[in-house]
Amino acid sequence: MIKDINFIFLVLALIAEVIGTIGGFGSSVFFVPLGNFYFDFYSVLGLTAIFHLSSNVSKIFLFKKGLDKKLLINIGIPSVVFVILGGVLSKYLNSTYLEIFLGVFLVAFSAFFLIKSKFTISPNRKNAIVGGSFSGFSAGLLGTGGAIRGLTMAAFNLEKSVFIATSAFIDFMIDFSRTFVYYNNGYIHDHDLKYVPFLFVIGLIGSFIGKKILAYIPQSKFRKLSLSFVLLIGIITIVQLVLR
């Protein structure tokens, strides 16, 4: 029923999608903390996976010319393996401590890279695999791993359309895999499915709006903007846990 839909939540989901598109690491980093104010943690995991499938298809279509196939393999494959592992473990571990760790990690590392703007992670295959594994595991366990992947991909100083297209394709692989795990875990609830059509449309519209805004952002400012979003995400995660 329409009267049972929380439209404030949907507006926030749209904002999360627009910012996630601009930042290049997907909407889950905002969507998960915001969703926890309205739903239980496991429902948010289920909704996030479904929501992301539509939003990442949109980004792949909008930025399809920028795909980096080498990074897709080096980051994407370990991400898929570890998102399945994280999704399975999420059923057995207390997520609160892990969420606190994630928030602190995001704040510390993004602040470091913003302060030490000339410092870069070596853009090699080993770091890509480690970053992909960590981001995939976090995505499966906590619902969000895009910011960690964003930090990893920032090391390669990619052109913004390449960054977003590659990140979106990896995200799609992650979401496709964890949807089956979350369904098997019982995280996708019948009473939450009423939001799916709205979130599907929001994923399309938010990605389109984000692309339009991104056209006005100079490449030189893109990496700094992405890291600033990651810092904000970490702060939101910690504040959300304190207020819980």
Foldseek 3Di string as FASTA:
>chain_A
DVVPDDVVLLVQQLVLLLLCLLLQLGSQLRNQLSVVVPDPQLLSLLLLLLLLLLLLVLLCVVLVVQADVVLLVLQQPLLQVQLLVLQLCLLPDDCLVVLLVLLVVLQVVLVVCLVVVVDADALDSVLSNVLSNQLSNCCNNRVGSSLSNSNSVVRVLGQSSNSNNSSSVSSNSSSVNSNVSSVVSVSNDPVPCVCSVSSSVSSNVSNVSSVVVSVPDDSVCNSNSSSVVSNVSSVSSNVSSVVD
